[in-house]
Amino acid sequence: MLSDWLMHTPPEVLAKYFGLGLDSVAKLPKGDPLYIFPSEPPKQTLQQDRAEVEGRNRKPGQIFTFKTSTMVPTRSNEHGNIKIIDIHNFPASPKICGALVTVSPGGLRELHWHPNGSEWQFWIKGKGRMTVFKGEQSARTMDF
């Protein structure tokens, strides 16, 4: 969440990034991250918003949504499957890719590394064990 990011960023950095004074930065929310923010209801209906946007007769040059759930797996075997989303099937994302990996019970995900990028892991369901090698002989294994 943005509020969590704000809490962990030094005030001087926020002031410089947003072009604000330190007095304004001091007024930003503190404490637990906010997930629902109070605001005024929209002035127009959804139909009015759509009509306004459609009236401009402009369509984006590329599609910015991707439905991984309808995608055929990129690779499959008896241990599971992987759906890879990258610039080859999602041109709107030239610098980041994603994958939905399904590992069958008893299966093992391929060992791999990223020499010039980070990886985020989100476990949707099930349980398993994962080891992350940080480098310089540092690793951590966790059960999920």
N, C-alpha and C. Protein backbone atom coordinates (compact mmCIF):
# COMPACT_ATOMS: atom_id res chain seq x y z
N MET A 1 0.82 -1.18 0.00
CA MET A 1 0.00 0.00 0.00
C MET A 1 0.87 1.25 0.00
N LEU A 2 0.35 2.28 -0.58
CA LEU A 2 1.06 3.54 -0.63
C LEU A 2 1.37 4.06 0.77
N SER A 3 0.42 3.93 1.70
CA SER A 3 0.65 4.44 3.04
C SER A 3 1.80 3.69 3.73
N ASP A 4 1.92 2.40 3.49
CA ASP A 4 3.03 1.62 4.05
C ASP A 4 4.35 2.10 3.46
N TRP A 5 4.37 2.33 2.17
CA TRP A 5 5.58 2.83 1.50
C TRP A 5 5.97 4.19 2.07
N LEU A 6 4.98 5.06 2.28
CA LEU A 6 5.25 6.40 2.82
C LEU A 6 5.85 6.32 4.22
N MET A 7 5.37 5.37 5.04
CA MET A 7 5.86 5.25 6.40
C MET A 7 7.32 4.81 6.45
N HIS A 8 7.78 4.11 5.43
CA HIS A 8 9.14 3.57 5.43
C HIS A 8 10.12 4.38 4.58
N THR A 9 9.68 5.51 4.08
CA THR A 9 10.55 6.36 3.26
C THR A 9 10.90 7.60 4.07
N PRO A 10 12.20 7.94 4.15
CA PRO A 10 12.59 9.12 4.93
C PRO A 10 11.86 10.38 4.45
N PRO A 11 11.46 11.25 5.40
CA PRO A 11 10.73 12.47 5.04
C PRO A 11 11.45 13.34 4.01
N GLU A 12 12.78 13.40 4.11
CA GLU A 12 13.54 14.23 3.16
C GLU A 12 13.40 13.71 1.73
N VAL A 13 13.34 12.38 1.60
CA VAL A 13 13.19 11.77 0.28
C VAL A 13 11.80 12.06 -0.27
N LEU A 14 10.77 11.93 0.58
CA LEU A 14 9.40 12.22 0.15
C LEU A 14 9.26 13.68 -0.27
N ALA A 15 9.84 14.58 0.52
CA ALA A 15 9.75 16.01 0.21
C ALA A 15 10.38 16.30 -1.15
N LYS A 16 11.54 15.72 -1.39
CA LYS A 16 12.22 15.96 -2.67
C LYS A 16 11.44 15.34 -3.82
N TYR A 17 10.97 14.10 -3.64
CA TYR A 17 10.26 13.40 -4.71
C TYR A 17 8.97 14.11 -5.10
N PHE A 18 8.18 14.51 -4.10
CA PHE A 18 6.88 15.13 -4.37
C PHE A 18 6.95 16.65 -4.52
N GLY A 19 8.12 17.24 -4.29
CA GLY A 19 8.25 18.69 -4.38
C GLY A 19 7.49 19.40 -3.27
N LEU A 20 7.49 18.82 -2.08
CA LEU A 20 6.76 19.37 -0.93
C LEU A 20 7.74 19.85 0.13
N GLY A 21 7.25 20.68 1.03
CA GLY A 21 8.03 21.07 2.19
C GLY A 21 7.92 19.99 3.25
N LEU A 22 8.87 19.96 4.16
CA LEU A 22 8.83 18.97 5.23
C LEU A 22 7.58 19.11 6.10
N ASP A 23 7.03 20.34 6.21
CA ASP A 23 5.81 20.54 6.99
C ASP A 23 4.63 19.80 6.35
N SER A 24 4.57 19.78 5.02
CA SER A 24 3.50 19.04 4.33
C SER A 24 3.69 17.54 4.48
N VAL A 25 4.92 17.09 4.38
CA VAL A 25 5.22 15.66 4.52
C VAL A 25 4.85 15.18 5.92
N ALA A 26 5.03 16.03 6.91
CA ALA A 26 4.71 15.66 8.29
C ALA A 26 3.22 15.39 8.48
N LYS A 27 2.37 15.89 7.59
CA LYS A 27 0.92 15.71 7.69
C LYS A 27 0.44 14.40 7.05
N LEU A 28 1.35 13.66 6.38
CA LEU A 28 0.96 12.41 5.74
C LEU A 28 0.56 11.39 6.80
N PRO A 29 -0.32 10.42 6.45
CA PRO A 29 -0.79 9.45 7.43
C PRO A 29 0.35 8.64 8.03
N LYS A 30 0.19 8.32 9.31
CA LYS A 30 1.15 7.47 10.00
C LYS A 30 0.37 6.32 10.63
N GLY A 31 1.07 5.29 11.03
CA GLY A 31 0.41 4.17 11.69
C GLY A 31 0.10 3.07 10.70
N ASP A 32 -0.94 2.30 11.01
CA ASP A 32 -1.30 1.15 10.17
C ASP A 32 -1.63 1.59 8.76
N PRO A 33 -1.23 0.78 7.76
CA PRO A 33 -1.57 1.12 6.37
C PRO A 33 -3.08 1.22 6.18
N LEU A 34 -3.48 2.18 5.38
CA LEU A 34 -4.90 2.36 5.08
C LEU A 34 -5.27 1.54 3.85
N TYR A 35 -6.37 0.82 3.91
CA TYR A 35 -6.82 0.03 2.77
C TYR A 35 -8.09 0.61 2.15
N ILE A 36 -8.85 1.35 2.94
CA ILE A 36 -10.05 2.00 2.43
C ILE A 36 -9.94 3.47 2.82
N PHE A 37 -10.04 4.34 1.84
CA PHE A 37 -9.85 5.76 2.08
C PHE A 37 -11.18 6.49 1.98
N PRO A 38 -11.46 7.40 2.92
CA PRO A 38 -12.71 8.18 2.82
C PRO A 38 -12.62 9.15 1.64
N SER A 39 -13.72 9.31 0.95
CA SER A 39 -13.76 10.26 -0.17
C SER A 39 -15.21 10.61 -0.48
N GLU A 40 -15.34 11.59 -1.34
CA GLU A 40 -16.67 11.99 -1.79
C GLU A 40 -17.15 11.02 -2.86
N PRO A 41 -18.45 10.76 -2.95
CA PRO A 41 -18.94 9.91 -4.03
C PRO A 41 -18.74 10.58 -5.38
N PRO A 42 -18.64 9.82 -6.46
CA PRO A 42 -18.46 10.42 -7.79
C PRO A 42 -19.62 11.35 -8.12
N LYS A 43 -19.32 12.40 -8.87
CA LYS A 43 -20.34 13.38 -9.25
C LYS A 43 -21.20 12.87 -10.41
N GLN A 44 -20.61 12.03 -11.27
CA GLN A 44 -21.34 11.50 -12.42
C GLN A 44 -21.61 10.01 -12.21
N THR A 45 -22.56 9.49 -12.96
CA THR A 45 -22.82 8.06 -12.93
C THR A 45 -21.76 7.35 -13.78
N LEU A 46 -21.67 6.06 -13.62
CA LEU A 46 -20.74 5.27 -14.43
C LEU A 46 -21.09 5.41 -15.92
N GLN A 47 -22.36 5.42 -16.24
CA GLN A 47 -22.80 5.57 -17.63
C GLN A 47 -22.34 6.92 -18.20
N GLN A 48 -22.42 7.97 -17.40
CA GLN A 48 -21.96 9.29 -17.86
C GLN A 48 -20.45 9.29 -18.09
N ASP A 49 -19.69 8.66 -17.19
CA ASP A 49 -18.24 8.57 -17.37
C ASP A 49 -17.91 7.82 -18.66
N ARG A 50 -18.59 6.69 -18.88
CA ARG A 50 -18.33 5.91 -20.10
C ARG A 50 -18.66 6.70 -21.36
N ALA A 51 -19.79 7.39 -21.33
CA ALA A 51 -20.20 8.18 -22.50
C ALA A 51 -19.18 9.28 -22.78
N GLU A 52 -18.65 9.89 -21.74
CA GLU A 52 -17.66 10.95 -21.92
C GLU A 52 -16.38 10.39 -22.54
N VAL A 53 -15.94 9.25 -22.06
CA VAL A 53 -14.72 8.64 -22.59
C VAL A 53 -14.94 8.16 -24.03
N GLU A 54 -16.05 7.50 -24.29
CA GLU A 54 -16.34 7.01 -25.64
C GLU A 54 -16.52 8.15 -26.62
N GLY A 55 -17.01 9.30 -26.15
CA GLY A 55 -17.22 10.45 -27.02
C GLY A 55 -15.93 11.04 -27.55
N ARG A 56 -14.83 10.71 -26.94
CA ARG A 56 -13.54 11.24 -27.39
C ARG A 56 -13.01 10.51 -28.62
N ASN A 57 -13.63 9.38 -28.95
CA ASN A 57 -13.24 8.59 -30.13
C ASN A 57 -11.77 8.23 -30.16
N ARG A 58 -11.19 8.04 -29.01
CA ARG A 58 -9.80 7.61 -28.96
C ARG A 58 -9.73 6.26 -28.30
N LYS A 59 -9.00 5.37 -28.90
CA LYS A 59 -8.79 4.06 -28.31
C LYS A 59 -7.30 3.92 -28.04
N PRO A 60 -6.95 3.21 -26.96
CA PRO A 60 -5.53 3.04 -26.68
C PRO A 60 -4.84 2.26 -27.80
N GLY A 61 -3.57 2.53 -27.99
CA GLY A 61 -2.80 1.84 -29.02
C GLY A 61 -2.55 0.39 -28.69
N GLN A 62 -2.69 0.03 -27.42
CA GLN A 62 -2.50 -1.36 -27.04
C GLN A 62 -3.43 -1.72 -25.88
N ILE A 63 -3.61 -2.99 -25.67
CA ILE A 63 -4.48 -3.48 -24.61
C ILE A 63 -3.67 -3.55 -23.32
N PHE A 64 -4.25 -3.10 -22.21
CA PHE A 64 -3.54 -3.07 -20.94
C PHE A 64 -4.07 -4.08 -19.93
N THR A 65 -4.84 -5.06 -20.39
CA THR A 65 -5.30 -6.13 -19.51
C THR A 65 -4.89 -7.46 -20.11
N PHE A 66 -4.73 -8.46 -19.25
CA PHE A 66 -4.35 -9.79 -19.71
C PHE A 66 -5.06 -10.80 -18.82
N LYS A 67 -5.78 -11.73 -19.42
CA LYS A 67 -6.55 -12.71 -18.66
C LYS A 67 -5.78 -14.04 -18.61
N THR A 68 -4.94 -14.15 -17.59
CA THR A 68 -4.12 -15.36 -17.42
C THR A 68 -5.00 -16.59 -17.27
N SER A 69 -6.17 -16.45 -16.67
CA SER A 69 -7.05 -17.61 -16.43
C SER A 69 -7.50 -18.27 -17.73
N THR A 70 -7.54 -17.54 -18.84
CA THR A 70 -7.98 -18.12 -20.10
C THR A 70 -6.81 -18.58 -20.98
N MET A 71 -5.60 -18.39 -20.49
CA MET A 71 -4.40 -18.72 -21.27
C MET A 71 -4.08 -20.21 -21.22
N VAL A 72 -3.65 -20.74 -22.34
CA VAL A 72 -3.17 -22.12 -22.40
C VAL A 72 -1.77 -22.12 -21.77
N PRO A 73 -1.45 -23.11 -20.92
CA PRO A 73 -0.12 -23.12 -20.31
C PRO A 73 1.01 -23.07 -21.35
N THR A 74 2.06 -22.33 -21.02
CA THR A 74 3.22 -22.24 -21.88
C THR A 74 3.95 -23.57 -21.92
N ARG A 75 4.06 -24.22 -20.78
CA ARG A 75 4.65 -25.56 -20.67
C ARG A 75 3.90 -26.37 -19.64
N SER A 76 3.78 -27.67 -19.88
CA SER A 76 3.12 -28.58 -18.94
C SER A 76 3.87 -29.89 -18.90
N ASN A 77 3.87 -30.53 -17.73
CA ASN A 77 4.33 -31.91 -17.61
C ASN A 77 3.65 -32.53 -16.40
N GLU A 78 4.06 -33.71 -16.00
CA GLU A 78 3.39 -34.40 -14.89
C GLU A 78 3.59 -33.69 -13.54
N HIS A 79 4.53 -32.77 -13.47
CA HIS A 79 4.80 -32.06 -12.21
C HIS A 79 4.02 -30.75 -12.08
N GLY A 80 3.35 -30.32 -13.16
CA GLY A 80 2.57 -29.09 -13.11
C GLY A 80 2.64 -28.34 -14.42
N ASN A 81 2.37 -27.04 -14.36
CA ASN A 81 2.43 -26.22 -15.58
C ASN A 81 2.81 -24.80 -15.23
N ILE A 82 3.14 -24.05 -16.27
CA ILE A 82 3.50 -22.65 -16.11
C ILE A 82 2.87 -21.85 -17.23
N LYS A 83 2.33 -20.70 -16.87
CA LYS A 83 1.81 -19.74 -17.83
C LYS A 83 2.70 -18.50 -17.75
N ILE A 84 3.41 -18.19 -18.80
CA ILE A 84 4.34 -17.06 -18.80
C ILE A 84 3.71 -15.89 -19.53
N ILE A 85 3.69 -14.76 -18.86
CA ILE A 85 3.15 -13.53 -19.44
C ILE A 85 4.32 -12.57 -19.62
N ASP A 86 4.65 -12.26 -20.87
CA ASP A 86 5.76 -11.34 -21.14
C ASP A 86 5.47 -10.56 -22.42
N ILE A 87 6.46 -9.89 -22.93
CA ILE A 87 6.27 -9.03 -24.10
C ILE A 87 5.78 -9.81 -25.33
N HIS A 88 6.02 -11.12 -25.35
CA HIS A 88 5.59 -11.92 -26.51
C HIS A 88 4.08 -12.05 -26.61
N ASN A 89 3.39 -12.11 -25.45
CA ASN A 89 1.93 -12.22 -25.50
C ASN A 89 1.23 -11.05 -24.83
N PHE A 90 1.99 -10.12 -24.26
CA PHE A 90 1.43 -8.94 -23.62
C PHE A 90 2.33 -7.74 -23.91
N PRO A 91 2.22 -7.18 -25.12
CA PRO A 91 3.11 -6.10 -25.57
C PRO A 91 3.12 -4.86 -24.68
N ALA A 92 2.10 -4.66 -23.87
CA ALA A 92 2.06 -3.48 -23.01
C ALA A 92 3.07 -3.57 -21.87
N SER A 93 3.69 -4.73 -21.71
CA SER A 93 4.63 -4.93 -20.60
C SER A 93 6.02 -5.29 -21.12
N PRO A 94 6.75 -4.30 -21.65
CA PRO A 94 8.06 -4.62 -22.25
C PRO A 94 9.19 -4.86 -21.25
N LYS A 95 9.03 -4.45 -19.99
CA LYS A 95 10.15 -4.54 -19.05
C LYS A 95 9.89 -5.39 -17.83
N ILE A 96 8.73 -6.02 -17.76
CA ILE A 96 8.43 -6.89 -16.62
C ILE A 96 7.61 -8.06 -17.12
N CYS A 97 7.80 -9.19 -16.51
CA CYS A 97 7.02 -10.36 -16.92
C CYS A 97 6.46 -11.02 -15.67
N GLY A 98 5.56 -11.95 -15.88
CA GLY A 98 4.95 -12.67 -14.79
C GLY A 98 4.75 -14.12 -15.18
N ALA A 99 4.49 -14.94 -14.20
CA ALA A 99 4.22 -16.35 -14.46
C ALA A 99 3.28 -16.87 -13.40
N LEU A 100 2.36 -17.71 -13.81
CA LEU A 100 1.51 -18.42 -12.88
C LEU A 100 1.97 -19.87 -12.94
N VAL A 101 2.56 -20.33 -11.84
CA VAL A 101 3.14 -21.66 -11.77
C VAL A 101 2.26 -22.55 -10.91
N THR A 102 1.86 -23.69 -11.44
CA THR A 102 1.11 -24.68 -10.69
C THR A 102 2.01 -25.90 -10.52
N VAL A 103 2.30 -26.24 -9.27
CA VAL A 103 3.16 -27.39 -8.98
C VAL A 103 2.28 -28.49 -8.41
N SER A 104 2.32 -29.66 -9.02
CA SER A 104 1.53 -30.80 -8.54
C SER A 104 2.11 -31.31 -7.22
N PRO A 105 1.28 -31.95 -6.38
CA PRO A 105 1.80 -32.52 -5.13
C PRO A 105 3.01 -33.41 -5.41
N GLY A 106 4.08 -33.19 -4.66
CA GLY A 106 5.31 -33.96 -4.85
C GLY A 106 6.19 -33.43 -5.95
N GLY A 107 5.71 -32.41 -6.68
CA GLY A 107 6.48 -31.85 -7.79
C GLY A 107 7.54 -30.88 -7.31
N LEU A 108 8.42 -30.50 -8.23
CA LEU A 108 9.49 -29.57 -7.93
C LEU A 108 9.54 -28.53 -9.03
N ARG A 109 9.56 -27.28 -8.63
CA ARG A 109 9.72 -26.20 -9.60
C ARG A 109 11.16 -26.16 -10.05
N GLU A 110 11.36 -25.75 -11.30
CA GLU A 110 12.73 -25.67 -11.81
C GLU A 110 13.61 -24.77 -10.96
N LEU A 111 14.85 -25.17 -10.78
CA LEU A 111 15.82 -24.31 -10.13
C LEU A 111 16.24 -23.26 -11.14
N HIS A 112 16.27 -22.01 -10.73
CA HIS A 112 16.59 -20.95 -11.66
C HIS A 112 17.12 -19.74 -10.92
N TRP A 113 17.64 -18.79 -11.64
CA TRP A 113 18.15 -17.56 -11.06
C TRP A 113 17.95 -16.41 -12.02
N HIS A 114 18.03 -15.22 -11.49
CA HIS A 114 17.88 -14.01 -12.27
C HIS A 114 19.13 -13.17 -12.05
N PRO A 115 20.05 -13.14 -13.00
CA PRO A 115 21.29 -12.39 -12.79
C PRO A 115 21.11 -10.88 -12.75
N ASN A 116 20.01 -10.38 -13.29
CA ASN A 116 19.85 -8.92 -13.34
C ASN A 116 18.44 -8.47 -13.01
N GLY A 117 17.72 -9.23 -12.18
CA GLY A 117 16.36 -8.83 -11.84
C GLY A 117 15.90 -9.49 -10.55
N SER A 118 14.83 -8.97 -10.01
CA SER A 118 14.26 -9.50 -8.77
C SER A 118 13.10 -10.42 -9.09
N GLU A 119 12.68 -11.18 -8.10
CA GLU A 119 11.53 -12.06 -8.26
C GLU A 119 10.64 -11.92 -7.04
N TRP A 120 9.33 -11.84 -7.28
CA TRP A 120 8.35 -11.82 -6.20
C TRP A 120 7.61 -13.14 -6.24
N GLN A 121 7.30 -13.70 -5.09
CA GLN A 121 6.55 -14.94 -4.99
C GLN A 121 5.25 -14.67 -4.25
N PHE A 122 4.15 -15.15 -4.79
CA PHE A 122 2.85 -15.10 -4.13
C PHE A 122 2.28 -16.50 -4.15
N TRP A 123 2.04 -17.07 -3.00
CA TRP A 123 1.47 -18.40 -2.92
C TRP A 123 -0.04 -18.24 -2.81
N ILE A 124 -0.78 -18.82 -3.74
CA ILE A 124 -2.24 -18.66 -3.76
C ILE A 124 -2.92 -19.70 -2.88
N LYS A 125 -2.48 -20.96 -2.99
CA LYS A 125 -3.02 -22.00 -2.11
C LYS A 125 -2.07 -23.19 -2.11
N GLY A 126 -2.32 -24.09 -1.18
CA GLY A 126 -1.46 -25.26 -1.05
C GLY A 126 -0.33 -25.00 -0.08
N LYS A 127 0.61 -25.93 -0.05
CA LYS A 127 1.77 -25.75 0.82
C LYS A 127 3.01 -26.28 0.12
N GLY A 128 4.13 -25.75 0.52
CA GLY A 128 5.38 -26.16 -0.09
C GLY A 128 6.55 -25.53 0.63
N ARG A 129 7.74 -25.82 0.15
CA ARG A 129 8.97 -25.28 0.72
C ARG A 129 9.73 -24.56 -0.37
N MET A 130 10.30 -23.42 -0.01
CA MET A 130 11.04 -22.63 -1.00
C MET A 130 12.32 -22.12 -0.36
N THR A 131 13.40 -22.18 -1.13
CA THR A 131 14.68 -21.60 -0.70
C THR A 131 15.03 -20.47 -1.63
N VAL A 132 15.42 -19.36 -1.05
CA VAL A 132 15.88 -18.21 -1.82
C VAL A 132 17.35 -18.00 -1.50
N PHE A 133 18.15 -17.97 -2.55
CA PHE A 133 19.58 -17.71 -2.39
C PHE A 133 19.83 -16.24 -2.66
N LYS A 134 20.30 -15.56 -1.64
CA LYS A 134 20.52 -14.12 -1.75
C LYS A 134 21.87 -13.82 -2.39
N GLY A 135 22.77 -14.74 -2.36
CA GLY A 135 24.12 -14.52 -2.85
C GLY A 135 25.09 -14.45 -1.69
N GLU A 136 26.36 -14.46 -2.00
CA GLU A 136 27.40 -14.41 -0.98
C GLU A 136 27.16 -15.46 0.10
N GLN A 137 26.82 -16.67 -0.29
CA GLN A 137 26.59 -17.82 0.59
C GLN A 137 25.45 -17.59 1.57
N SER A 138 24.48 -16.78 1.19
CA SER A 138 23.34 -16.50 2.06
C SER A 138 22.08 -17.07 1.43
N ALA A 139 21.35 -17.85 2.20
CA ALA A 139 20.10 -18.44 1.70
C ALA A 139 19.12 -18.58 2.85
N ARG A 140 17.85 -18.67 2.51
CA ARG A 140 16.82 -18.86 3.51
C ARG A 140 15.77 -19.81 2.95
N THR A 141 15.42 -20.82 3.73
CA THR A 141 14.40 -21.78 3.34
C THR A 141 13.20 -21.61 4.26
N MET A 142 12.01 -21.56 3.63
CA MET A 142 10.78 -21.38 4.41
C MET A 142 9.71 -22.33 3.90
N ASP A 143 8.87 -22.76 4.83
CA ASP A 143 7.69 -23.55 4.47
C ASP A 143 6.51 -22.60 4.34
N PHE A 144 5.75 -22.78 3.28
CA PHE A 144 4.55 -21.96 3.03
C PHE A 144 3.33 -22.85 3.05
